Amino acid sequence: MNIYFVIAATFALLTCVGHFTIGIKSFLTPMLDANFDPIAQKIMQCVFHYVSVFLVMSTLVLYACGLEMVSIMQGYGLVLFIALNYLLFAVWQIYIGFFSDIESPFKSLFQWFFFAAISFFTLLGVFQSL
């Protein structure tokens, strides 16, 4: 068992739960109720669900690799891809928060912490399995 992948998967599961609860309540529903171009609304709804699929699939892959349901050689590329994606999610959110006009941006844009933790523990898991 790769404990680092399991820890990363647990952070990813928490991210999924937040996405499907707070994200739908605080982002998706208000965005769909707002008065702006319906095409842009549907595109943003699609983007929300694209992210949903990525979050769920990466959580499942991390658990499968962490519980050794998939050999490390088969999962190696997948977990590196997942780590890179989450790292880039964190970097972009920190960058946007740093240059935004939002009051206390790192409190409002808190997901970067979960993204960075998932990436960090996934990379630790990769290095452990080398």
C-alpha atoms as a PDB file:
ATOM      1  CA  MET A   1       0.000   0.000   0.000  1.00  0.00           C
ATOM      2  CA  ASN A   2       1.259   3.457  -0.905  1.00  0.00           C
ATOM      3  CA  ILE A   3       0.160   5.632   1.997  1.00  0.00           C
ATOM      4  CA  TYR A   4       1.027   8.856   0.174  1.00  0.00           C
ATOM      5  CA  PHE A   5      -1.364   8.050  -2.672  1.00  0.00           C
ATOM      6  CA  VAL A   6      -4.057   7.200  -0.124  1.00  0.00           C
ATOM      7  CA  ILE A   7      -3.497  10.534   1.663  1.00  0.00           C
ATOM      8  CA  ALA A   8      -3.620  12.363  -1.692  1.00  0.00           C
ATOM      9  CA  ALA A   9      -6.807  10.467  -2.579  1.00  0.00           C
ATOM     10  CA  THR A  10      -8.365  11.473   0.741  1.00  0.00           C
ATOM     11  CA  PHE A  11      -7.601  15.137   0.048  1.00  0.00           C
ATOM     12  CA  ALA A  12      -9.035  14.602  -3.439  1.00  0.00           C
ATOM     13  CA  LEU A  13     -12.186  13.078  -1.941  1.00  0.00           C
ATOM     14  CA  LEU A  14     -12.571  16.107   0.341  1.00  0.00           C
ATOM     15  CA  THR A  15     -12.140  18.301  -2.726  1.00  0.00           C
ATOM     16  CA  CYS A  16     -14.896  16.356  -4.507  1.00  0.00           C
ATOM     17  CA  VAL A  17     -17.244  16.724  -1.555  1.00  0.00           C
ATOM     18  CA  GLY A  18     -16.576  20.465  -1.435  1.00  0.00           C
ATOM     19  CA  HIS A  19     -17.022  20.763  -5.186  1.00  0.00           C
ATOM     20  CA  PHE A  20     -20.383  19.002  -5.139  1.00  0.00           C
ATOM     21  CA  THR A  21     -21.698  20.831  -2.063  1.00  0.00           C
ATOM     22  CA  ILE A  22     -20.147  24.288  -1.745  1.00  0.00           C
ATOM     23  CA  GLY A  23     -19.376  24.529  -5.463  1.00  0.00           C
ATOM     24  CA  ILE A  24     -22.933  23.831  -6.583  1.00  0.00           C
ATOM     25  CA  LYS A  25     -24.455  26.062  -3.897  1.00  0.00           C
ATOM     26  CA  SER A  26     -22.018  28.980  -4.094  1.00  0.00           C
ATOM     27  CA  PHE A  27     -20.946  28.933  -7.744  1.00  0.00           C
ATOM     28  CA  LEU A  28     -23.013  26.852 -10.152  1.00  0.00           C
ATOM     29  CA  THR A  29     -26.523  27.736  -8.980  1.00  0.00           C
ATOM     30  CA  PRO A  30     -25.906  31.524  -8.689  1.00  0.00           C
ATOM     31  CA  MET A  31     -24.165  31.506 -12.057  1.00  0.00           C
ATOM     32  CA  LEU A  32     -27.124  29.743 -13.687  1.00  0.00           C
ATOM     33  CA  ASP A  33     -29.555  32.162 -12.005  1.00  0.00           C
ATOM     34  CA  ALA A  34     -27.595  35.242 -13.116  1.00  0.00           C
ATOM     35  CA  ASN A  35     -28.738  37.342 -16.029  1.00  0.00           C
ATOM     36  CA  PHE A  36     -26.114  36.998 -18.740  1.00  0.00           C
ATOM     37  CA  ASP A  37     -25.691  35.278 -22.095  1.00  0.00           C
ATOM     38  CA  PRO A  38     -27.369  31.820 -21.983  1.00  0.00           C
ATOM     39  CA  ILE A  39     -24.676  30.326 -24.223  1.00  0.00           C
ATOM     40  CA  ALA A  40     -21.951  31.474 -21.817  1.00  0.00           C
ATOM     41  CA  GLN A  41     -23.996  30.043 -18.922  1.00  0.00           C
ATOM     42  CA  LYS A  42     -24.234  26.632 -20.580  1.00  0.00           C
ATOM     43  CA  ILE A  43     -20.542  26.655 -21.413  1.00  0.00           C
ATOM     44  CA  MET A  44     -19.713  27.450 -17.772  1.00  0.00           C
ATOM     45  CA  GLN A  45     -22.078  24.672 -16.667  1.00  0.00           C
ATOM     46  CA  CYS A  46     -20.210  22.278 -18.960  1.00  0.00           C
ATOM     47  CA  VAL A  47     -16.865  23.444 -17.575  1.00  0.00           C
ATOM     48  CA  PHE A  48     -18.138  22.852 -14.029  1.00  0.00           C
ATOM     49  CA  HIS A  49     -19.059  19.294 -14.961  1.00  0.00           C
ATOM     50  CA  TYR A  50     -15.794  18.711 -16.851  1.00  0.00           C
ATOM     51  CA  VAL A  51     -13.974  19.604 -13.640  1.00  0.00           C
ATOM     52  CA  SER A  52     -16.354  17.320 -11.722  1.00  0.00           C
ATOM     53  CA  VAL A  53     -15.399  14.366 -13.913  1.00  0.00           C
ATOM     54  CA  PHE A  54     -11.686  15.114 -13.531  1.00  0.00           C
ATOM     55  CA  LEU A  55     -11.973  15.378  -9.744  1.00  0.00           C
ATOM     56  CA  VAL A  56     -13.875  12.095  -9.408  1.00  0.00           C
ATOM     57  CA  MET A  57     -11.693  10.165 -11.845  1.00  0.00           C
ATOM     58  CA  SER A  58      -8.435  11.391 -10.303  1.00  0.00           C
ATOM     59  CA  THR A  59      -9.709  10.465  -6.829  1.00  0.00           C
ATOM     60  CA  LEU A  60     -10.530   6.951  -8.009  1.00  0.00           C
ATOM     61  CA  VAL A  61      -7.154   6.556  -9.738  1.00  0.00           C
ATOM     62  CA  LEU A  62      -5.285   7.745  -6.636  1.00  0.00           C
ATOM     63  CA  TYR A  63      -7.179   5.305  -4.414  1.00  0.00           C
ATOM     64  CA  ALA A  64      -6.655   2.463  -6.913  1.00  0.00           C
ATOM     65  CA  CYS A  65      -2.914   3.153  -7.095  1.00  0.00           C
ATOM     66  CA  GLY A  66      -2.634   3.711  -3.350  1.00  0.00           C
ATOM     67  CA  LEU A  67      -4.370   0.424  -2.552  1.00  0.00           C
ATOM     68  CA  GLU A  68      -2.260  -1.328  -5.208  1.00  0.00           C
ATOM     69  CA  MET A  69      -5.235  -2.323  -7.320  1.00  0.00           C
ATOM     70  CA  VAL A  70      -3.165  -1.078 -10.264  1.00  0.00           C
ATOM     71  CA  SER A  71       0.527  -1.829 -10.648  1.00  0.00           C
ATOM     72  CA  ILE A  72       2.774   1.177 -10.209  1.00  0.00           C
ATOM     73  CA  MET A  73       4.107   0.847 -13.746  1.00  0.00           C
ATOM     74  CA  GLN A  74       0.583   1.122 -15.159  1.00  0.00           C
ATOM     75  CA  GLY A  75      -0.371   3.970 -12.855  1.00  0.00           C
ATOM     76  CA  TYR A  76       2.917   5.878 -12.951  1.00  0.00           C
ATOM     77  CA  GLY A  77       1.980   8.128 -15.866  1.00  0.00           C
ATOM     78  CA  LEU A  78      -1.524   8.659 -14.530  1.00  0.00           C
ATOM     79  CA  VAL A  79      -0.438   9.804 -11.092  1.00  0.00           C
ATOM     80  CA  LEU A  80       2.217  12.113 -12.552  1.00  0.00           C
ATOM     81  CA  PHE A  81      -0.453  13.629 -14.801  1.00  0.00           C
ATOM     82  CA  ILE A  82      -2.759  14.068 -11.796  1.00  0.00           C
ATOM     83  CA  ALA A  83       0.022  15.636  -9.702  1.00  0.00           C
ATOM     84  CA  LEU A  84       0.921  18.064 -12.475  1.00  0.00           C
ATOM     85  CA  ASN A  85      -2.710  19.087 -13.009  1.00  0.00           C
ATOM     86  CA  TYR A  86      -3.344  19.741  -9.339  1.00  0.00           C
ATOM     87  CA  LEU A  87      -0.050  21.612  -9.029  1.00  0.00           C
ATOM     88  CA  LEU A  88      -1.031  23.856 -11.931  1.00  0.00           C
ATOM     89  CA  PHE A  89      -4.520  24.352 -10.431  1.00  0.00           C
ATOM     90  CA  ALA A  90      -2.862  25.524  -7.195  1.00  0.00           C
ATOM     91  CA  VAL A  91      -0.357  27.791  -8.941  1.00  0.00           C
ATOM     92  CA  TRP A  92      -3.033  29.481 -11.058  1.00  0.00           C
ATOM     93  CA  GLN A  93      -5.363  29.976  -8.130  1.00  0.00           C
ATOM     94  CA  ILE A  94      -2.577  31.499  -6.025  1.00  0.00           C
ATOM     95  CA  TYR A  95      -1.545  33.706  -8.951  1.00  0.00           C
ATOM     96  CA  ILE A  96      -5.101  34.897  -9.574  1.00  0.00           C
ATOM     97  CA  GLY A  97      -5.664  35.437  -5.851  1.00  0.00           C
ATOM     98  CA  PHE A  98      -2.441  37.411  -5.524  1.00  0.00           C
ATOM     99  CA  PHE A  99      -3.350  39.812  -8.329  1.00  0.00           C
ATOM    100  CA  SER A 100      -7.089  40.054  -7.681  1.00  0.00           C
ATOM    101  CA  ASP A 101      -9.046  42.829  -6.042  1.00  0.00           C
ATOM    102  CA  ILE A 102     -10.796  40.336  -3.751  1.00  0.00           C
ATOM    103  CA  GLU A 103     -10.546  41.136  -0.060  1.00  0.00           C
ATOM    104  CA  SER A 104      -8.540  38.336   1.650  1.00  0.00           C
ATOM    105  CA  PRO A 105      -8.210  36.319  -1.583  1.00  0.00           C
ATOM    106  CA  PHE A 106      -6.442  33.321  -0.044  1.00  0.00           C
ATOM    107  CA  LYS A 107      -9.355  32.855   2.332  1.00  0.00           C
ATOM    108  CA  SER A 108     -11.926  33.149  -0.463  1.00  0.00           C
ATOM    109  CA  LEU A 109      -9.899  31.092  -2.931  1.00  0.00           C
ATOM    110  CA  PHE A 110      -8.946  28.382  -0.441  1.00  0.00           C
ATOM    111  CA  GLN A 111      -8.960  25.440  -2.863  1.00  0.00           C
ATOM    112  CA  TRP A 112      -5.294  26.026  -3.683  1.00  0.00           C
ATOM    113  CA  PHE A 113      -4.383  24.372  -0.375  1.00  0.00           C
ATOM    114  CA  PHE A 114      -6.186  21.145  -1.290  1.00  0.00           C
ATOM    115  CA  PHE A 115      -4.771  21.193  -4.816  1.00  0.00           C
ATOM    116  CA  ALA A 116      -1.230  21.681  -3.516  1.00  0.00           C
ATOM    117  CA  ALA A 117      -1.671  18.931  -0.895  1.00  0.00           C
ATOM    118  CA  ILE A 118      -2.943  16.462  -3.493  1.00  0.00           C
ATOM    119  CA  SER A 119      -0.011  17.250  -5.774  1.00  0.00           C
ATOM    120  CA  PHE A 120       2.531  17.092  -2.937  1.00  0.00           C
ATOM    121  CA  PHE A 121       1.376  13.726  -1.575  1.00  0.00           C
ATOM    122  CA  THR A 122       1.018  12.273  -5.068  1.00  0.00           C
ATOM    123  CA  LEU A 123       4.613  13.230  -5.856  1.00  0.00           C
ATOM    124  CA  LEU A 124       5.766  11.769  -2.527  1.00  0.00           C
ATOM    125  CA  GLY A 125       3.990   8.551  -3.490  1.00  0.00           C
ATOM    126  CA  VAL A 126       5.748   8.495  -6.841  1.00  0.00           C
ATOM    127  CA  PHE A 127       9.146   9.020  -5.208  1.00  0.00           C
ATOM    128  CA  GLN A 128       8.410   6.324  -2.630  1.00  0.00           C
ATOM    129  CA  SER A 129       7.656   3.792  -5.334  1.00  0.00           C
ATOM    130  CA  LEU A 130      10.849   4.413  -7.332  1.00  0.00           C
END
